[in-house]
Amino acid sequence: MKHFQRVSLSLVALYFVSPRCVPQAPIQNAQSAKGQIGIRVYNDARVPDARLQAAEEVAARVLRQAGIEAKWSDCTVIGGQVRNDPPSCAVPLRFRDMVVYFVDRLEAHFPWVSQNALGYSIIPDTCEFASMAYISYTRIQRLSDTTSAGTKDLLGLAIAHEIGHLLFGSNEHANRGLMRATWRLRDLEAKAWGEFEFSPEQGKKLRAGVEARKKGDELGAAAQR
């Protein structure tokens, strides 16, 4: 008997100047150049490397279909040291950089979160860009055990969902697709991955969000000269 009847993905609040508080970049069409973002991963749940890499590939595919290219950095800290020590982990976050923490128990960090939530993003109330998301590896594994969907696929979809919230700067959900508040189990059971994508309109908004962050980075760089 399946214990998960519904799959919820919750989101909320943090950092930098928000797209809703600055002049918006024009919404790009589908032929525009892909927006580029950085994603720093902190694997505090010790997700196996091969599984995490496979999940990143799933997330990258979903984001790429929406016109977003992601550059991944493993910034996991072990024994006080960054495990792989990529240079990107040592520099301050840009507006186009986001942080994803993989944790075991989501409720240990956010006691108020729904028991069915797979992830939680911090969305600011002030004029700041959202940059930080958490995903529960334990909850992902539990859901995988009760459906035919693999852990890597669920992890990848959860990453893409959370990145969507961060780029939208909102915890609002859609009525269909990847940004549903509740994923349909029949879609997961059928591995109907076409039901877990961004819509064309969402893709335009995502690319506009990246462009707004890019302009923020450029303004910040110019101010430091």
C-alpha atoms as a PDB file:
ATOM      1  CA  MET A   1       0.000   0.000   0.000  1.00  0.00           C
ATOM      2  CA  LYS A   2       1.406   3.366  -0.983  1.00  0.00           C
ATOM      3  CA  HIS A   3       1.856   5.814   1.866  1.00  0.00           C
ATOM      4  CA  PHE A   4       2.244   8.899  -0.355  1.00  0.00           C
ATOM      5  CA  GLN A   5      -1.087   9.894  -1.897  1.00  0.00           C
ATOM      6  CA  ARG A   6       0.115  13.361  -2.825  1.00  0.00           C
ATOM      7  CA  VAL A   7       3.538  14.857  -3.456  1.00  0.00           C
ATOM      8  CA  SER A   8       3.917  18.470  -2.351  1.00  0.00           C
ATOM      9  CA  LEU A   9       6.824  20.797  -3.003  1.00  0.00           C
ATOM     10  CA  SER A  10       6.930  23.786  -0.679  1.00  0.00           C
ATOM     11  CA  LEU A  11       8.927  26.970  -0.976  1.00  0.00           C
ATOM     12  CA  VAL A  12       9.682  30.218   0.927  1.00  0.00           C
ATOM     13  CA  ALA A  13      12.380  33.181   1.556  1.00  0.00           C
ATOM     14  CA  LEU A  14      16.202  34.985   1.194  1.00  0.00           C
ATOM     15  CA  TYR A  15      18.921  37.198  -0.548  1.00  0.00           C
ATOM     16  CA  PHE A  16      19.704  39.915  -3.124  1.00  0.00           C
ATOM     17  CA  VAL A  17      17.718  42.390  -5.267  1.00  0.00           C
ATOM     18  CA  SER A  18      14.510  40.818  -6.564  1.00  0.00           C
ATOM     19  CA  PRO A  19      13.221  41.034 -10.149  1.00  0.00           C
ATOM     20  CA  ARG A  20       9.961  42.448  -8.851  1.00  0.00           C
ATOM     21  CA  CYS A  21      11.820  45.452  -7.401  1.00  0.00           C
ATOM     22  CA  VAL A  22      13.996  46.407 -10.382  1.00  0.00           C
ATOM     23  CA  PRO A  23      13.187  47.179 -14.024  1.00  0.00           C
ATOM     24  CA  GLN A  24      12.400  43.895 -15.684  1.00  0.00           C
ATOM     25  CA  ALA A  25      14.437  42.494 -18.540  1.00  0.00           C
ATOM     26  CA  PRO A  26      12.321  41.914 -21.634  1.00  0.00           C
ATOM     27  CA  ILE A  27      10.837  38.429 -21.887  1.00  0.00           C
ATOM     28  CA  GLN A  28      12.898  36.578 -24.459  1.00  0.00           C
ATOM     29  CA  ASN A  29      11.493  34.390 -27.185  1.00  0.00           C
ATOM     30  CA  ALA A  30      12.304  30.709 -27.577  1.00  0.00           C
ATOM     31  CA  GLN A  31      15.091  31.457 -30.060  1.00  0.00           C
ATOM     32  CA  SER A  32      17.007  33.698 -27.642  1.00  0.00           C
ATOM     33  CA  ALA A  33      20.383  32.654 -26.273  1.00  0.00           C
ATOM     34  CA  LYS A  34      20.144  30.458 -23.202  1.00  0.00           C
ATOM     35  CA  GLY A  35      20.446  32.076 -19.815  1.00  0.00           C
ATOM     36  CA  GLN A  36      23.361  30.820 -17.718  1.00  0.00           C
ATOM     37  CA  ILE A  37      23.264  30.254 -13.976  1.00  0.00           C
ATOM     38  CA  GLY A  38      25.584  28.739 -11.402  1.00  0.00           C
ATOM     39  CA  ILE A  39      24.350  26.121  -8.931  1.00  0.00           C
ATOM     40  CA  ARG A  40      26.470  25.390  -5.857  1.00  0.00           C
ATOM     41  CA  VAL A  41      25.612  22.047  -4.297  1.00  0.00           C
ATOM     42  CA  TYR A  42      26.154  21.187  -0.635  1.00  0.00           C
ATOM     43  CA  ASN A  43      25.655  17.443  -0.253  1.00  0.00           C
ATOM     44  CA  ASP A  44      25.053  17.356   3.504  1.00  0.00           C
ATOM     45  CA  ALA A  45      22.885  14.226   3.108  1.00  0.00           C
ATOM     46  CA  ARG A  46      25.788  12.320   1.533  1.00  0.00           C
ATOM     47  CA  VAL A  47      23.895  11.420  -1.611  1.00  0.00           C
ATOM     48  CA  PRO A  48      26.144   8.950  -3.511  1.00  0.00           C
ATOM     49  CA  ASP A  49      28.230  10.778  -6.108  1.00  0.00           C
ATOM     50  CA  ALA A  50      26.936   8.786  -9.080  1.00  0.00           C
ATOM     51  CA  ARG A  51      23.324   9.324  -8.035  1.00  0.00           C
ATOM     52  CA  LEU A  52      23.851  13.038  -7.478  1.00  0.00           C
ATOM     53  CA  GLN A  53      25.534  13.449 -10.849  1.00  0.00           C
ATOM     54  CA  ALA A  54      22.648  11.609 -12.523  1.00  0.00           C
ATOM     55  CA  ALA A  55      20.156  13.870 -10.726  1.00  0.00           C
ATOM     56  CA  GLU A  56      22.037  16.957 -11.889  1.00  0.00           C
ATOM     57  CA  GLU A  57      21.809  15.679 -15.450  1.00  0.00           C
ATOM     58  CA  VAL A  58      18.037  15.282 -15.090  1.00  0.00           C
ATOM     59  CA  ALA A  59      17.714  18.811 -13.691  1.00  0.00           C
ATOM     60  CA  ALA A  60      20.008  20.204 -16.382  1.00  0.00           C
ATOM     61  CA  ARG A  61      17.845  18.621 -19.087  1.00  0.00           C
ATOM     62  CA  VAL A  62      14.657  20.152 -17.692  1.00  0.00           C
ATOM     63  CA  LEU A  63      16.286  23.567 -17.310  1.00  0.00           C
ATOM     64  CA  ARG A  64      17.830  23.372 -20.773  1.00  0.00           C
ATOM     65  CA  GLN A  65      14.419  22.761 -22.327  1.00  0.00           C
ATOM     66  CA  ALA A  66      13.387  26.084 -20.771  1.00  0.00           C
ATOM     67  CA  GLY A  67      16.448  27.865 -22.151  1.00  0.00           C
ATOM     68  CA  ILE A  68      18.560  27.791 -18.975  1.00  0.00           C
ATOM     69  CA  GLU A  69      22.096  26.406 -18.856  1.00  0.00           C
ATOM     70  CA  ALA A  70      23.379  25.426 -15.426  1.00  0.00           C
ATOM     71  CA  LYS A  71      26.996  25.197 -14.280  1.00  0.00           C
ATOM     72  CA  TRP A  72      27.351  22.907 -11.262  1.00  0.00           C
ATOM     73  CA  SER A  73      29.874  23.191  -8.431  1.00  0.00           C
ATOM     74  CA  ASP A  74      30.194  20.656  -5.600  1.00  0.00           C
ATOM     75  CA  CYS A  75      30.925  22.836  -2.578  1.00  0.00           C
ATOM     76  CA  THR A  76      30.319  20.131   0.043  1.00  0.00           C
ATOM     77  CA  VAL A  77      32.347  20.726   3.209  1.00  0.00           C
ATOM     78  CA  ILE A  78      33.888  17.711   4.944  1.00  0.00           C
ATOM     79  CA  GLY A  79      36.115  18.136   7.971  1.00  0.00           C
ATOM     80  CA  GLY A  80      36.156  21.884   7.525  1.00  0.00           C
ATOM     81  CA  GLN A  81      37.382  21.640   3.941  1.00  0.00           C
ATOM     82  CA  VAL A  82      35.533  21.906   0.639  1.00  0.00           C
ATOM     83  CA  ARG A  83      35.761  18.333  -0.627  1.00  0.00           C
ATOM     84  CA  ASN A  84      36.504  19.001  -4.305  1.00  0.00           C
ATOM     85  CA  ASP A  85      37.671  22.591  -3.768  1.00  0.00           C
ATOM     86  CA  PRO A  86      36.490  24.060  -7.098  1.00  0.00           C
ATOM     87  CA  PRO A  87      37.522  27.742  -7.466  1.00  0.00           C
ATOM     88  CA  SER A  88      33.865  28.741  -7.910  1.00  0.00           C
ATOM     89  CA  CYS A  89      33.138  27.800  -4.288  1.00  0.00           C
ATOM     90  CA  ALA A  90      35.661  30.298  -2.942  1.00  0.00           C
ATOM     91  CA  VAL A  91      34.296  33.435  -4.604  1.00  0.00           C
ATOM     92  CA  PRO A  92      31.262  35.440  -3.414  1.00  0.00           C
ATOM     93  CA  LEU A  93      27.897  34.510  -4.858  1.00  0.00           C
ATOM     94  CA  ARG A  94      26.827  36.378  -7.959  1.00  0.00           C
ATOM     95  CA  PHE A  95      23.177  37.239  -8.498  1.00  0.00           C
ATOM     96  CA  ARG A  96      23.124  34.405 -11.064  1.00  0.00           C
ATOM     97  CA  ASP A  97      24.382  31.861  -8.526  1.00  0.00           C
ATOM     98  CA  MET A  98      22.081  29.656  -6.491  1.00  0.00           C
ATOM     99  CA  VAL A  99      22.749  27.299  -3.597  1.00  0.00           C
ATOM    100  CA  VAL A 100      21.092  23.896  -3.181  1.00  0.00           C
ATOM    101  CA  TYR A 101      21.483  22.005   0.087  1.00  0.00           C
ATOM    102  CA  PHE A 102      20.715  18.280   0.190  1.00  0.00           C
ATOM    103  CA  VAL A 103      19.671  17.408   3.728  1.00  0.00           C
ATOM    104  CA  ASP A 104      18.225  14.349   5.452  1.00  0.00           C
ATOM    105  CA  ARG A 105      15.395  15.795   7.511  1.00  0.00           C
ATOM    106  CA  LEU A 106      13.794  18.902   6.061  1.00  0.00           C
ATOM    107  CA  GLU A 107      11.848  19.445   9.279  1.00  0.00           C
ATOM    108  CA  ALA A 108      15.097  19.775  11.216  1.00  0.00           C
ATOM    109  CA  HIS A 109      15.709  23.012   9.325  1.00  0.00           C
ATOM    110  CA  PHE A 110      12.102  24.119   8.801  1.00  0.00           C
ATOM    111  CA  PRO A 111       9.814  22.596  11.478  1.00  0.00           C
ATOM    112  CA  TRP A 112       6.697  24.098   9.895  1.00  0.00           C
ATOM    113  CA  VAL A 113       7.160  22.505   6.479  1.00  0.00           C
ATOM    114  CA  SER A 114       4.564  20.039   5.174  1.00  0.00           C
ATOM    115  CA  GLN A 115       5.374  16.384   5.800  1.00  0.00           C
ATOM    116  CA  ASN A 116       4.931  15.696   2.079  1.00  0.00           C
ATOM    117  CA  ALA A 117       7.192  18.508   0.901  1.00  0.00           C
ATOM    118  CA  LEU A 118      10.312  17.333  -0.920  1.00  0.00           C
ATOM    119  CA  GLY A 119      12.001  20.731  -0.926  1.00  0.00           C
ATOM    120  CA  TYR A 120      11.855  24.218   0.497  1.00  0.00           C
ATOM    121  CA  SER A 121      13.183  27.428  -1.053  1.00  0.00           C
ATOM    122  CA  ILE A 122      13.785  30.707   0.695  1.00  0.00           C
ATOM    123  CA  ILE A 123      11.942  33.526  -1.104  1.00  0.00           C
ATOM    124  CA  PRO A 124      12.509  37.023   0.299  1.00  0.00           C
ATOM    125  CA  ASP A 125       9.793  39.413   1.387  1.00  0.00           C
ATOM    126  CA  THR A 126      12.123  42.310   0.588  1.00  0.00           C
ATOM    127  CA  CYS A 127      13.626  43.437  -2.722  1.00  0.00           C
ATOM    128  CA  GLU A 128      16.224  40.687  -2.940  1.00  0.00           C
ATOM    129  CA  PHE A 129      16.978  37.863  -5.314  1.00  0.00           C
ATOM    130  CA  ALA A 130      16.179  34.396  -3.982  1.00  0.00           C
ATOM    131  CA  SER A 131      19.256  32.189  -3.905  1.00  0.00           C
ATOM    132  CA  MET A 132      18.884  29.267  -1.498  1.00  0.00           C
ATOM    133  CA  ALA A 133      16.935  25.991  -1.600  1.00  0.00           C
ATOM    134  CA  TYR A 134      16.838  22.806   0.474  1.00  0.00           C
ATOM    135  CA  ILE A 135      15.900  19.309  -0.703  1.00  0.00           C
ATOM    136  CA  SER A 136      15.282  16.324   1.555  1.00  0.00           C
ATOM    137  CA  TYR A 137      17.095  13.220   0.333  1.00  0.00           C
ATOM    138  CA  THR A 138      15.259  11.109   2.918  1.00  0.00           C
ATOM    139  CA  ARG A 139      11.863  12.183   1.613  1.00  0.00           C
ATOM    140  CA  ILE A 140      12.962  11.637  -1.987  1.00  0.00           C
ATOM    141  CA  GLN A 141      14.066   8.089  -1.128  1.00  0.00           C
ATOM    142  CA  ARG A 142      10.797   7.407   0.672  1.00  0.00           C
ATOM    143  CA  LEU A 143       8.785   8.558  -2.333  1.00  0.00           C
ATOM    144  CA  SER A 144      10.934   6.484  -4.692  1.00  0.00           C
ATOM    145  CA  ASP A 145      10.263   3.419  -2.539  1.00  0.00           C
ATOM    146  CA  THR A 146       6.514   3.884  -2.973  1.00  0.00           C
ATOM    147  CA  THR A 147       6.481   4.580  -6.731  1.00  0.00           C
ATOM    148  CA  SER A 148       8.258   3.303  -9.823  1.00  0.00           C
ATOM    149  CA  ALA A 149      10.104   6.634 -10.205  1.00  0.00           C
ATOM    150  CA  GLY A 150      13.844   6.400  -9.549  1.00  0.00           C
ATOM    151  CA  THR A 151      15.600   8.444  -6.892  1.00  0.00           C
ATOM    152  CA  LYS A 152      17.790  10.225  -9.441  1.00  0.00           C
ATOM    153  CA  ASP A 153      14.745  11.323 -11.445  1.00  0.00           C
ATOM    154  CA  LEU A 154      12.904  12.593  -8.372  1.00  0.00           C
ATOM    155  CA  LEU A 155      16.018  14.409  -7.146  1.00  0.00           C
ATOM    156  CA  GLY A 156      16.559  16.023 -10.530  1.00  0.00           C
ATOM    157  CA  LEU A 157      12.943  17.127 -10.857  1.00  0.00           C
ATOM    158  CA  ALA A 158      12.971  18.519  -7.313  1.00  0.00           C
ATOM    159  CA  ILE A 159      16.122  20.526  -8.093  1.00  0.00           C
ATOM    160  CA  ALA A 160      14.573  21.984 -11.254  1.00  0.00           C
ATOM    161  CA  HIS A 161      11.348  22.790  -9.373  1.00  0.00           C
ATOM    162  CA  GLU A 162      13.229  24.669  -6.663  1.00  0.00           C
ATOM    163  CA  ILE A 163      15.401  26.544  -9.160  1.00  0.00           C
ATOM    164  CA  GLY A 164      12.166  27.569 -10.852  1.00  0.00           C
ATOM    165  CA  HIS A 165      10.910  29.110  -7.616  1.00  0.00           C
ATOM    166  CA  LEU A 166      14.192  30.922  -7.051  1.00  0.00           C
ATOM    167  CA  LEU A 167      14.235  32.407 -10.553  1.00  0.00           C
ATOM    168  CA  PHE A 168      10.550  33.340 -10.414  1.00  0.00           C
ATOM    169  CA  GLY A 169      11.152  34.936  -7.021  1.00  0.00           C
ATOM    170  CA  SER A 170       7.857  33.452  -5.902  1.00  0.00           C
ATOM    171  CA  ASN A 171       6.472  30.459  -4.029  1.00  0.00           C
ATOM    172  CA  GLU A 172       3.395  30.353  -6.240  1.00  0.00           C
ATOM    173  CA  HIS A 173       2.593  27.150  -8.102  1.00  0.00           C
ATOM    174  CA  ALA A 174       1.027  26.296 -11.434  1.00  0.00           C
ATOM    175  CA  ASN A 175      -1.984  24.150 -12.292  1.00  0.00           C
ATOM    176  CA  ARG A 176       0.049  21.772 -14.426  1.00  0.00           C
ATOM    177  CA  GLY A 177       3.585  20.686 -15.247  1.00  0.00           C
ATOM    178  CA  LEU A 178       6.716  20.707 -13.113  1.00  0.00           C
ATOM    179  CA  MET A 179       5.589  23.694 -11.054  1.00  0.00           C
ATOM    180  CA  ARG A 180       2.501  21.988  -9.648  1.00  0.00           C
ATOM    181  CA  ALA A 181       2.205  22.203  -5.876  1.00  0.00           C
ATOM    182  CA  THR A 182       1.236  18.534  -5.936  1.00  0.00           C
ATOM    183  CA  TRP A 183       2.743  16.031  -8.375  1.00  0.00           C
ATOM    184  CA  ARG A 184       0.366  13.362  -9.643  1.00  0.00           C
ATOM    185  CA  LEU A 185       1.395   9.858  -8.665  1.00  0.00           C
ATOM    186  CA  ARG A 186       0.010   8.423 -11.889  1.00  0.00           C
ATOM    187  CA  ASP A 187       2.462  10.591 -13.835  1.00  0.00           C
ATOM    188  CA  LEU A 188       5.341   9.392 -11.670  1.00  0.00           C
ATOM    189  CA  GLU A 189       4.256   5.765 -11.969  1.00  0.00           C
ATOM    190  CA  ALA A 190       4.034   6.090 -15.772  1.00  0.00           C
ATOM    191  CA  LYS A 191       7.325   8.023 -15.882  1.00  0.00           C
ATOM    192  CA  ALA A 192       5.492  10.617 -17.944  1.00  0.00           C
ATOM    193  CA  TRP A 193       8.394  13.030 -17.870  1.00  0.00           C
ATOM    194  CA  GLY A 194       6.666  15.338 -20.345  1.00  0.00           C
ATOM    195  CA  GLU A 195       4.390  16.280 -17.439  1.00  0.00           C
ATOM    196  CA  PHE A 196       7.411  17.523 -15.480  1.00  0.00           C
ATOM    197  CA  GLU A 197       8.632  20.390 -17.647  1.00  0.00           C
ATOM    198  CA  PHE A 198       8.333  24.158 -17.652  1.00  0.00           C
ATOM    199  CA  SER A 199       5.707  25.600 -19.971  1.00  0.00           C
ATOM    200  CA  PRO A 200       6.863  27.880 -22.837  1.00  0.00           C
ATOM    201  CA  GLU A 201       5.562  30.899 -20.937  1.00  0.00           C
ATOM    202  CA  GLN A 202       7.397  29.835 -17.789  1.00  0.00           C
ATOM    203  CA  GLY A 203      10.561  29.389 -19.862  1.00  0.00           C
ATOM    204  CA  LYS A 204      10.290  33.000 -21.044  1.00  0.00           C
ATOM    205  CA  LYS A 205       9.896  34.218 -17.483  1.00  0.00           C
ATOM    206  CA  LEU A 206      12.830  32.107 -16.306  1.00  0.00           C
ATOM    207  CA  ARG A 207      15.100  33.557 -18.995  1.00  0.00           C
ATOM    208  CA  ALA A 208      13.914  37.066 -18.137  1.00  0.00           C
ATOM    209  CA  GLY A 209      14.757  36.356 -14.495  1.00  0.00           C
ATOM    210  CA  VAL A 210      18.269  35.250 -15.442  1.00  0.00           C
ATOM    211  CA  GLU A 211      18.706  38.364 -17.598  1.00  0.00           C
ATOM    212  CA  ALA A 212      17.656  40.601 -14.688  1.00  0.00           C
ATOM    213  CA  ARG A 213      20.229  38.893 -12.460  1.00  0.00           C
ATOM    214  CA  LYS A 214      22.878  39.257 -15.151  1.00  0.00           C
ATOM    215  CA  LYS A 215      22.236  42.991 -15.288  1.00  0.00           C
ATOM    216  CA  GLY A 216      22.550  43.105 -11.495  1.00  0.00           C
ATOM    217  CA  ASP A 217      25.935  41.367 -11.739  1.00  0.00           C
ATOM    218  CA  GLU A 218      27.072  43.831 -14.410  1.00  0.00           C
ATOM    219  CA  LEU A 219      25.990  46.825 -12.348  1.00  0.00           C
ATOM    220  CA  GLY A 220      27.763  45.427  -9.299  1.00  0.00           C
ATOM    221  CA  ALA A 221      30.965  44.841 -11.275  1.00  0.00           C
ATOM    222  CA  ALA A 222      30.844  48.354 -12.709  1.00  0.00           C
ATOM    223  CA  ALA A 223      30.385  49.861  -9.239  1.00  0.00           C
ATOM    224  CA  GLN A 224      33.563  48.140  -8.018  1.00  0.00           C
ATOM    225  CA  ARG A 225      35.760  49.544 -10.770  1.00  0.00           C
END
